[in-house]
């Protein structure tokens, strides 16, 4: 199965996050809209620019130059100190949102993440998920991101570094020649500054020229790094998304429909698909949920959501789907075109800590066996092997 990878990179993170924090705490000025920088102590000539606003960029101010140089270019520049506590807070907000889409997230830095979406696309495409994340980050968190869409980490990272800000770029194998080979060699990810002049001396100035060069010659010149440079220039990268599993606070998923849907039967069918994936992840984490939340977005971008506590903690697809369906019927207005649906479970607790409830009956054991069997089949043959036959799955959960 070809991997499905996203790279999410916050645009101008330190300045954007500082701006949001200041606005939240009563500031009347959005520092993203004025000449402003995040920097060190101005009293020290060695203090440097860590981040700059678009207005500051228009004065020619560059990241990593001294604040003294920035002040010479723009005397009225506003300077704000860095604050790691603020950055960590907003970085965690981003991570928590991304965690609703996949368990496999690598925090590459405080303001960028790799997501392995291979097992988590359901009926969506990778680009559709990127568009959904892109919109949600802007709307729910208040800042913008660039997202790279590709089949490996290298190409996803390269894609997210294309034109900024607030963009989504793809870089699939068939796009490498057009989108990547024309770039200067210095734009290749993983290429050190000291290597660039050495490649220039070899008459290699673009990524395409590096890709077409003699691999063995590069190895003789640069050792193992030469082989990697050649592979990167050709879009080859087999590295995995390195994630450290940590127990999530919530698990959810949503899907944006290619066409608006107004039929309740179709919405119920899609809700079952969401319930299947959410509970699959829940059981994989060996956790149970206490709260179910359903979200709808109309064609006019009006969002509504309902949530309700379950009578007892569970990871049962049947029980969570049943509650989600109740919430859907409560909130859905007949004949309203829907463009997005989401399902989330909260109030998570470890399986071993959950207590048997008075409300549970002996059918739960049967349902757990069904869920376990389905999970094992998916683990062996892939997630989509069962979900394709929605009608039989619906009947299975209805009649079990």
Protein backbone atom coordinates (compact mmCIF):
# COMPACT_ATOMS: atom_id res chain seq x y z
CA UNK A 1 0.00 0.00 0.00
CA UNK A 2 1.40 3.38 -1.02
CA UNK A 3 1.88 5.65 1.96
CA UNK A 4 -0.23 8.77 2.42
CA UNK A 5 1.79 11.51 4.16
CA UNK A 6 1.03 15.10 5.14
CA UNK A 7 3.46 17.73 6.40
CA UNK A 8 1.78 20.55 8.33
CA UNK A 9 3.90 23.67 8.84
CA UNK A 10 2.65 26.71 10.76
CA UNK A 11 3.13 29.98 8.89
CA UNK A 12 5.29 32.42 10.85
CA UNK A 13 4.55 30.49 14.03
CA UNK A 14 6.22 32.57 16.74
CA UNK A 15 4.79 35.86 15.54
CA UNK A 16 1.34 34.41 14.78
CA UNK A 17 1.08 32.70 18.15
CA UNK A 18 2.28 35.83 19.97
CA UNK A 19 -0.35 37.86 18.09
CA UNK A 20 -3.14 35.45 19.07
CA UNK A 21 -2.05 35.45 22.71
CA UNK A 22 -1.97 39.25 22.80
CA UNK A 23 -5.41 39.57 21.18
CA UNK A 24 -6.82 37.01 23.60
CA UNK A 25 -5.49 39.10 26.48
CA UNK A 26 -6.97 42.41 25.40
CA UNK A 27 -4.59 43.84 22.81
CA UNK A 28 -6.28 46.06 20.21
CA UNK A 29 -3.48 45.57 17.70
CA UNK A 30 -2.86 42.46 15.65
CA UNK A 31 0.93 42.48 15.32
CA UNK A 32 0.62 40.40 12.16
CA UNK A 33 -0.76 43.50 10.46
CA UNK A 34 2.04 45.94 11.41
CA UNK A 35 5.85 45.99 11.00
CA UNK A 36 6.76 43.67 13.88
CA UNK A 37 9.34 41.07 14.81
CA UNK A 38 9.97 38.49 17.50
CA UNK A 39 13.53 38.89 18.71
CA UNK A 40 16.01 38.83 21.54
CA UNK A 41 17.24 41.63 23.77
CA UNK A 42 17.55 44.79 21.67
CA UNK A 43 20.10 46.24 24.09
CA UNK A 44 22.50 43.57 22.87
CA UNK A 45 23.69 44.14 19.33
CA UNK A 46 23.84 40.36 18.97
CA UNK A 47 20.06 39.95 19.40
CA UNK A 48 18.56 38.45 16.22
CA UNK A 49 15.21 38.35 14.43
CA UNK A 50 13.40 35.07 15.13
CA UNK A 51 10.21 35.88 13.20
CA UNK A 52 8.82 38.78 11.21
CA UNK A 53 5.45 40.02 10.01
CA UNK A 54 4.62 40.43 6.33
CA UNK A 55 4.83 44.22 6.81
CA UNK A 56 8.34 43.85 8.26
CA UNK A 57 9.31 41.63 5.35
CA UNK A 58 8.33 44.43 2.96
CA UNK A 59 11.09 46.54 4.54
CA UNK A 60 13.61 43.86 3.63
CA UNK A 61 13.91 42.48 7.16
CA UNK A 62 15.12 38.88 7.22
CA UNK A 63 15.02 36.11 9.79
CA UNK A 64 18.35 35.60 11.64
CA UNK A 65 19.67 39.10 10.95
CA UNK A 66 20.41 41.30 13.97
CA UNK A 67 17.73 43.47 15.53
CA UNK A 68 20.11 46.38 15.00
CA UNK A 69 20.01 45.74 11.25
CA UNK A 70 16.21 45.41 11.33
CA UNK A 71 15.89 48.74 13.17
CA UNK A 72 18.09 50.41 10.54
CA UNK A 73 15.73 49.20 7.80
CA UNK A 74 12.56 50.12 9.67
CA UNK A 75 12.98 52.58 12.59
CA UNK A 76 9.34 52.13 13.72
CA UNK A 77 9.57 48.33 13.91
CA UNK A 78 7.77 46.84 16.95
CA UNK A 79 9.81 44.21 18.80
CA UNK A 80 8.33 41.50 21.01
CA UNK A 81 10.19 38.94 23.13
CA UNK A 82 10.01 35.23 22.50
CA UNK A 83 7.89 33.18 24.90
CA UNK A 84 8.28 29.41 24.78
CA UNK A 85 5.30 28.88 27.09
CA UNK A 86 2.99 30.53 24.54
CA UNK A 87 4.52 28.58 21.67
CA UNK A 88 4.09 25.29 23.50
CA UNK A 89 0.44 26.08 24.26
CA UNK A 90 -0.45 26.72 20.62
CA UNK A 91 1.72 23.87 19.39
CA UNK A 92 -0.25 21.53 21.64
CA UNK A 93 -3.53 22.91 20.31
CA UNK A 94 -2.39 22.08 16.79
CA UNK A 95 -1.23 18.61 17.83
CA UNK A 96 -4.57 17.89 19.54
CA UNK A 97 -6.48 18.88 16.40
CA UNK A 98 -4.24 16.74 14.18
CA UNK A 99 -4.67 13.82 16.59
CA UNK A 100 -8.29 13.63 15.49
CA UNK A 101 -7.10 12.43 12.09
CA UNK A 102 -4.39 9.86 12.85
CA UNK A 103 -2.49 8.26 15.71
CA UNK A 104 0.75 8.46 13.75
CA UNK A 105 2.07 12.01 14.17
CA UNK A 106 5.70 13.03 14.28
CA UNK A 107 6.44 16.37 15.90
CA UNK A 108 9.27 17.40 13.62
CA UNK A 109 9.63 20.71 15.45
CA UNK A 110 7.47 22.91 17.66
CA UNK A 111 5.63 24.29 14.61
CA UNK A 112 5.55 21.39 12.15
CA UNK A 113 4.31 17.81 12.10
CA UNK A 114 4.33 14.81 9.79
CA UNK A 115 1.09 12.79 9.63
CA UNK A 116 0.90 9.23 8.35
CA UNK A 117 -2.66 9.02 7.01
CA UNK A 118 -2.25 5.66 5.25
CA UNK A 119 -4.77 3.77 7.38
CA UNK A 120 -7.01 6.74 8.20
CA UNK A 121 -8.42 8.13 4.95
CA UNK A 122 -11.65 6.13 4.90
CA UNK A 123 -13.46 7.23 1.73
CA UNK A 124 -11.59 10.53 1.43
CA UNK A 125 -8.48 11.34 -0.57
CA UNK A 126 -5.30 12.62 1.03
CA UNK A 127 -5.84 16.02 -0.59
CA UNK A 128 -9.38 16.23 0.81
CA UNK A 129 -8.06 15.56 4.32
CA UNK A 130 -5.39 18.23 3.82
CA UNK A 131 -8.06 20.74 2.76
CA UNK A 132 -10.17 19.88 5.79
CA UNK A 133 -7.25 20.28 8.21
CA UNK A 134 -6.21 23.51 6.50
CA UNK A 135 -9.69 25.01 6.98
CA UNK A 136 -10.12 23.81 10.56
CA UNK A 137 -6.77 25.16 11.76
CA UNK A 138 -7.60 28.61 10.41
CA UNK A 139 -11.16 28.63 11.72
CA UNK A 140 -10.71 26.91 15.08
CA UNK A 141 -7.16 27.89 16.08
CA UNK A 142 -6.85 31.28 14.37
CA UNK A 143 -3.55 30.82 12.50
CA UNK A 144 -2.61 29.49 9.09
CA UNK A 145 -0.53 26.54 7.92
CA UNK A 146 1.08 25.26 4.76
CA UNK A 147 0.40 21.60 4.07
CA UNK A 148 2.48 19.33 1.87
CA UNK A 149 0.68 16.34 0.34
CA UNK A 150 2.76 13.39 -0.87
CA UNK A 151 3.59 9.70 -0.61
CA UNK A 152 6.69 10.09 1.57
CA UNK A 153 8.07 12.46 4.19
CA UNK A 154 10.67 14.08 1.95
CA UNK A 155 8.21 15.09 -0.78
CA UNK A 156 5.61 16.24 1.77
CA UNK A 157 8.23 18.45 3.44
CA UNK A 158 9.40 19.85 0.10
CA UNK A 159 5.80 20.56 -0.93
CA UNK A 160 4.95 22.45 2.24
CA UNK A 161 7.95 24.72 1.59
CA UNK A 162 6.60 25.82 -1.78
CA UNK A 163 4.83 29.23 -2.03
CA UNK A 164 3.64 30.58 1.33
CA UNK A 165 1.58 31.43 3.33
CA UNK A 166 -1.72 29.58 3.80
CA UNK A 167 -1.24 27.11 0.93
CA UNK A 168 -1.70 23.43 0.16
CA UNK A 169 0.74 21.86 -2.32
CA UNK A 170 1.00 18.33 -3.70
CA UNK A 171 4.24 16.67 -4.74
CA UNK A 172 3.54 13.19 -6.03
CA UNK A 173 6.02 11.12 -8.04
CA UNK A 174 4.61 12.24 -11.39
CA UNK A 175 5.06 15.89 -10.31
CA UNK A 176 8.73 15.70 -9.28
CA UNK A 177 10.12 16.66 -12.69
CA UNK A 178 7.86 19.68 -13.07
CA UNK A 179 7.72 20.97 -9.49
CA UNK A 180 11.02 19.93 -7.89
CA UNK A 181 13.71 19.39 -10.51
CA UNK A 182 13.58 23.01 -11.64
CA UNK A 183 14.41 24.31 -8.12
CA UNK A 184 17.94 25.44 -7.18
CA UNK A 185 20.02 22.78 -5.47
CA UNK A 186 20.00 24.79 -2.24
CA UNK A 187 16.25 24.14 -1.89
CA UNK A 188 16.72 20.38 -1.48
CA UNK A 189 15.80 19.26 2.01
CA UNK A 190 18.75 17.84 3.96
CA UNK A 191 21.40 19.61 1.93
CA UNK A 192 23.89 21.47 4.11
CA UNK A 193 25.16 24.94 3.18
CA UNK A 194 28.73 23.70 2.90
CA UNK A 195 27.71 21.12 0.32
CA UNK A 196 26.18 23.64 -2.10
CA UNK A 197 29.47 25.18 -3.40
CA UNK A 198 30.94 21.68 -3.77
CA UNK A 199 28.03 20.71 -5.99
CA UNK A 200 28.41 23.96 -7.93
CA UNK A 201 32.01 22.95 -8.64
CA UNK A 202 30.61 19.72 -10.09
CA UNK A 203 28.37 21.79 -12.40
CA UNK A 204 25.29 20.75 -10.41
CA UNK A 205 23.05 23.76 -9.78
CA UNK A 206 19.48 22.41 -9.82
CA UNK A 207 17.81 19.47 -8.10
CA UNK A 208 17.14 17.99 -11.54
CA UNK A 209 20.83 18.06 -12.41
CA UNK A 210 21.61 16.29 -9.15
CA UNK A 211 18.94 13.67 -9.88
CA UNK A 212 20.48 12.93 -13.29
CA UNK A 213 24.07 12.85 -12.05
CA UNK A 214 26.20 9.74 -11.51
CA UNK A 215 25.23 8.23 -8.14
CA UNK A 216 28.56 6.40 -7.74
CA UNK A 217 30.47 9.61 -8.36
CA UNK A 218 28.46 11.33 -5.62
CA UNK A 219 29.22 8.47 -3.22
CA UNK A 220 32.94 8.76 -3.94
CA UNK A 221 32.75 12.51 -3.27
CA UNK A 222 30.41 12.62 -0.25
CA UNK A 223 30.28 9.06 1.07
CA UNK A 224 26.88 7.72 2.24
CA UNK A 225 25.51 11.26 2.21
CA UNK A 226 26.11 11.33 -1.54
CA UNK A 227 23.77 8.37 -1.99
CA UNK A 228 21.13 10.09 0.10
CA UNK A 229 21.45 13.31 -1.91
CA UNK A 230 20.88 11.40 -5.14
CA UNK A 231 17.89 9.56 -3.68
CA UNK A 232 16.35 12.77 -2.30
CA UNK A 233 16.79 14.51 -5.65
CA UNK A 234 14.87 11.62 -7.22
CA UNK A 235 12.14 11.80 -4.57
CA UNK A 236 13.16 8.55 -2.85
CA UNK A 237 12.62 8.40 0.91
CA UNK A 238 11.60 5.31 2.86
CA UNK A 239 11.85 6.82 6.34
CA UNK A 240 8.88 6.25 8.63
CA UNK A 241 6.83 8.84 10.49
CA UNK A 242 8.40 8.56 13.95
CA UNK A 243 5.67 8.86 16.50
CA UNK A 244 5.62 8.22 20.22
CA UNK A 245 2.28 6.72 21.15
CA UNK A 246 0.60 8.64 23.93
CA UNK A 247 -2.88 8.10 25.27
CA UNK A 248 -5.24 10.52 23.50
CA UNK A 249 -7.75 12.71 25.33
CA UNK A 250 -10.27 12.27 22.54
CA UNK A 251 -10.56 10.32 19.29
CA UNK A 252 -12.51 11.55 16.30
CA UNK A 253 -12.79 11.80 12.58
CA UNK A 254 -14.74 13.83 10.07
CA UNK A 255 -15.41 13.69 6.37
CA UNK A 256 -16.16 16.41 3.82
CA UNK A 257 -18.47 15.08 1.13
CA UNK A 258 -17.64 15.57 -2.57
CA UNK A 259 -21.32 16.54 -2.98
CA UNK A 260 -23.80 17.83 -0.40
CA UNK A 261 -26.00 15.14 1.12
CA UNK A 262 -29.59 15.68 2.31
CA UNK A 263 -30.82 12.07 2.67
CA UNK A 264 -30.86 10.93 6.29
CA UNK A 265 -30.31 7.29 5.27
CA UNK A 266 -27.09 8.21 3.50
CA UNK A 267 -25.95 10.31 6.45
CA UNK A 268 -26.59 7.37 8.80
CA UNK A 269 -24.53 5.12 6.55
CA UNK A 270 -21.61 7.55 6.58
CA UNK A 271 -21.97 7.99 10.34
CA UNK A 272 -21.56 4.23 10.69
CA UNK A 273 -18.31 4.45 8.73
CA UNK A 274 -17.08 7.15 11.11
CA UNK A 275 -18.13 5.07 14.11
CA UNK A 276 -16.28 2.06 12.74
CA UNK A 277 -13.03 3.94 12.41
CA UNK A 278 -13.29 5.87 15.68
CA UNK A 279 -14.04 2.73 17.70
CA UNK A 280 -11.33 0.78 15.87
CA UNK A 281 -8.81 3.39 17.03
CA UNK A 282 -10.39 3.38 20.51
CA UNK A 283 -9.90 -0.37 20.88
CA UNK A 284 -6.41 -0.15 19.43
CA UNK A 285 -5.56 2.29 22.24
CA UNK A 286 -7.19 -0.13 24.71
CA UNK A 287 -9.50 2.63 25.90
CA UNK A 288 -13.21 3.22 26.38
CA UNK A 289 -15.29 6.36 25.89
CA UNK A 290 -17.89 8.04 28.04
CA UNK A 291 -19.09 10.85 25.74
CA UNK A 292 -20.17 10.89 22.08
CA UNK A 293 -20.17 14.08 19.97
CA UNK A 294 -21.59 14.50 16.45
CA UNK A 295 -20.88 17.54 14.25
CA UNK A 296 -22.64 18.68 11.07
CA UNK A 297 -21.73 21.46 8.65
CA UNK A 298 -24.30 22.66 6.14
CA UNK A 299 -23.66 23.82 2.59
CA UNK A 300 -23.76 27.37 3.99
CA UNK A 301 -20.94 26.54 6.46
CA UNK A 302 -23.22 26.62 9.50
CA UNK A 303 -21.86 24.27 12.16
CA UNK A 304 -23.93 22.47 14.77
CA UNK A 305 -22.90 19.78 17.23
CA UNK A 306 -24.58 17.69 19.91
CA UNK A 307 -22.95 15.55 22.55
CA UNK A 308 -24.25 13.21 25.22
CA UNK A 309 -22.86 11.02 27.97
CA UNK A 310 -23.09 7.28 27.53
CA UNK A 311 -24.73 5.22 30.30
CA UNK A 312 -21.39 3.43 30.74
CA UNK A 313 -17.90 3.57 29.23
CA UNK A 314 -17.55 1.46 26.11
CA UNK A 315 -15.54 0.85 22.95
CA UNK A 316 -18.42 -1.00 21.25
CA UNK A 317 -19.07 0.08 17.68
CA UNK A 318 -22.73 -0.83 18.11
CA UNK A 319 -23.25 1.25 21.24
CA UNK A 320 -21.33 4.30 20.06
CA UNK A 321 -23.02 4.22 16.66
CA UNK A 322 -26.44 3.90 18.36
CA UNK A 323 -25.78 6.99 20.50
CA UNK A 324 -24.30 8.90 17.55
CA UNK A 325 -27.35 8.08 15.44
CA UNK A 326 -29.64 9.44 18.19
CA UNK A 327 -27.67 12.68 18.24
CA UNK A 328 -27.81 12.92 14.44
CA UNK A 329 -31.60 12.53 14.41
CA UNK A 330 -31.94 15.14 17.16
CA UNK A 331 -29.97 17.81 15.32
CA UNK A 332 -30.63 17.14 11.63
CA UNK A 333 -33.30 19.24 9.92
CA UNK A 334 -34.93 17.29 7.06
CA UNK A 335 -33.79 18.12 3.53
CA UNK A 336 -30.87 20.28 4.76
CA UNK A 337 -27.83 19.78 2.47
CA UNK A 338 -24.85 18.67 4.57
CA UNK A 339 -21.24 19.05 3.40
CA UNK A 340 -19.33 17.73 6.45
CA UNK A 341 -19.99 15.26 9.24
CA UNK A 342 -17.79 14.51 12.23
CA UNK A 343 -17.84 12.04 15.11
CA UNK A 344 -15.74 12.33 18.27
CA UNK A 345 -15.58 10.38 21.52
CA UNK A 346 -14.39 12.00 24.75
CA UNK A 347 -14.00 11.16 28.42
CA UNK A 348 -11.58 8.37 27.58
CA UNK A 349 -10.32 5.92 30.17
CA UNK A 350 -8.10 2.85 30.09
CA UNK A 351 -9.88 -0.46 29.59
CA UNK A 352 -8.53 -1.98 32.78
CA UNK A 353 -9.73 0.99 34.85
CA UNK A 354 -13.28 1.06 33.49
CA UNK A 355 -15.90 -0.44 35.80
CA UNK A 356 -18.73 -2.81 34.91
CA UNK A 357 -21.98 -0.85 34.89
CA UNK A 358 -25.45 -1.86 36.04
CA UNK A 359 -26.69 -0.92 32.55
CA UNK A 360 -24.50 -3.46 30.76
CA UNK A 361 -25.93 -6.85 29.81
CA UNK A 362 -24.57 -10.13 28.48
CA UNK A 363 -24.93 -9.01 24.84
CA UNK A 364 -21.84 -6.85 25.36
CA UNK A 365 -19.62 -9.93 25.42
CA UNK A 366 -21.03 -10.99 22.06
CA UNK A 367 -20.50 -7.51 20.63
CA UNK A 368 -16.92 -7.39 21.91
CA UNK A 369 -16.25 -10.68 20.15
CA UNK A 370 -17.67 -9.30 16.88
CA UNK A 371 -15.61 -6.12 17.16
CA UNK A 372 -12.46 -8.07 17.99
CA UNK A 373 -12.93 -10.35 14.99
CA UNK A 374 -13.45 -7.41 12.64
CA UNK A 375 -10.38 -5.65 14.07
CA UNK A 376 -8.21 -8.72 13.45
CA UNK A 377 -9.37 -8.97 9.85
CA UNK A 378 -8.55 -5.31 9.29
CA UNK A 379 -5.13 -5.69 10.89
CA UNK A 380 -4.35 -8.55 8.53
CA UNK A 381 -5.93 -7.40 5.27
CA UNK A 382 -6.30 -3.62 5.60
CA UNK A 383 -8.92 -1.34 7.07
CA UNK A 384 -11.14 -1.04 3.98
CA UNK A 385 -11.56 -4.77 3.42
CA UNK A 386 -14.77 -4.85 5.48
CA UNK A 387 -16.14 -1.33 5.31
CA UNK A 388 -16.88 -1.59 1.61
CA UNK A 389 -20.11 -3.53 2.25
CA UNK A 390 -21.91 -0.92 4.32
CA UNK A 391 -25.34 -2.57 4.17
CA UNK A 392 -24.20 -5.86 5.69
CA UNK A 393 -22.21 -4.01 8.36
CA UNK A 394 -25.26 -1.90 9.20
CA UNK A 395 -27.39 -5.00 9.59
CA UNK A 396 -24.70 -6.70 11.65
CA UNK A 397 -24.63 -3.90 14.20
CA UNK A 398 -28.39 -3.53 14.09
CA UNK A 399 -29.23 -7.17 14.75
CA UNK A 400 -26.36 -8.28 16.99
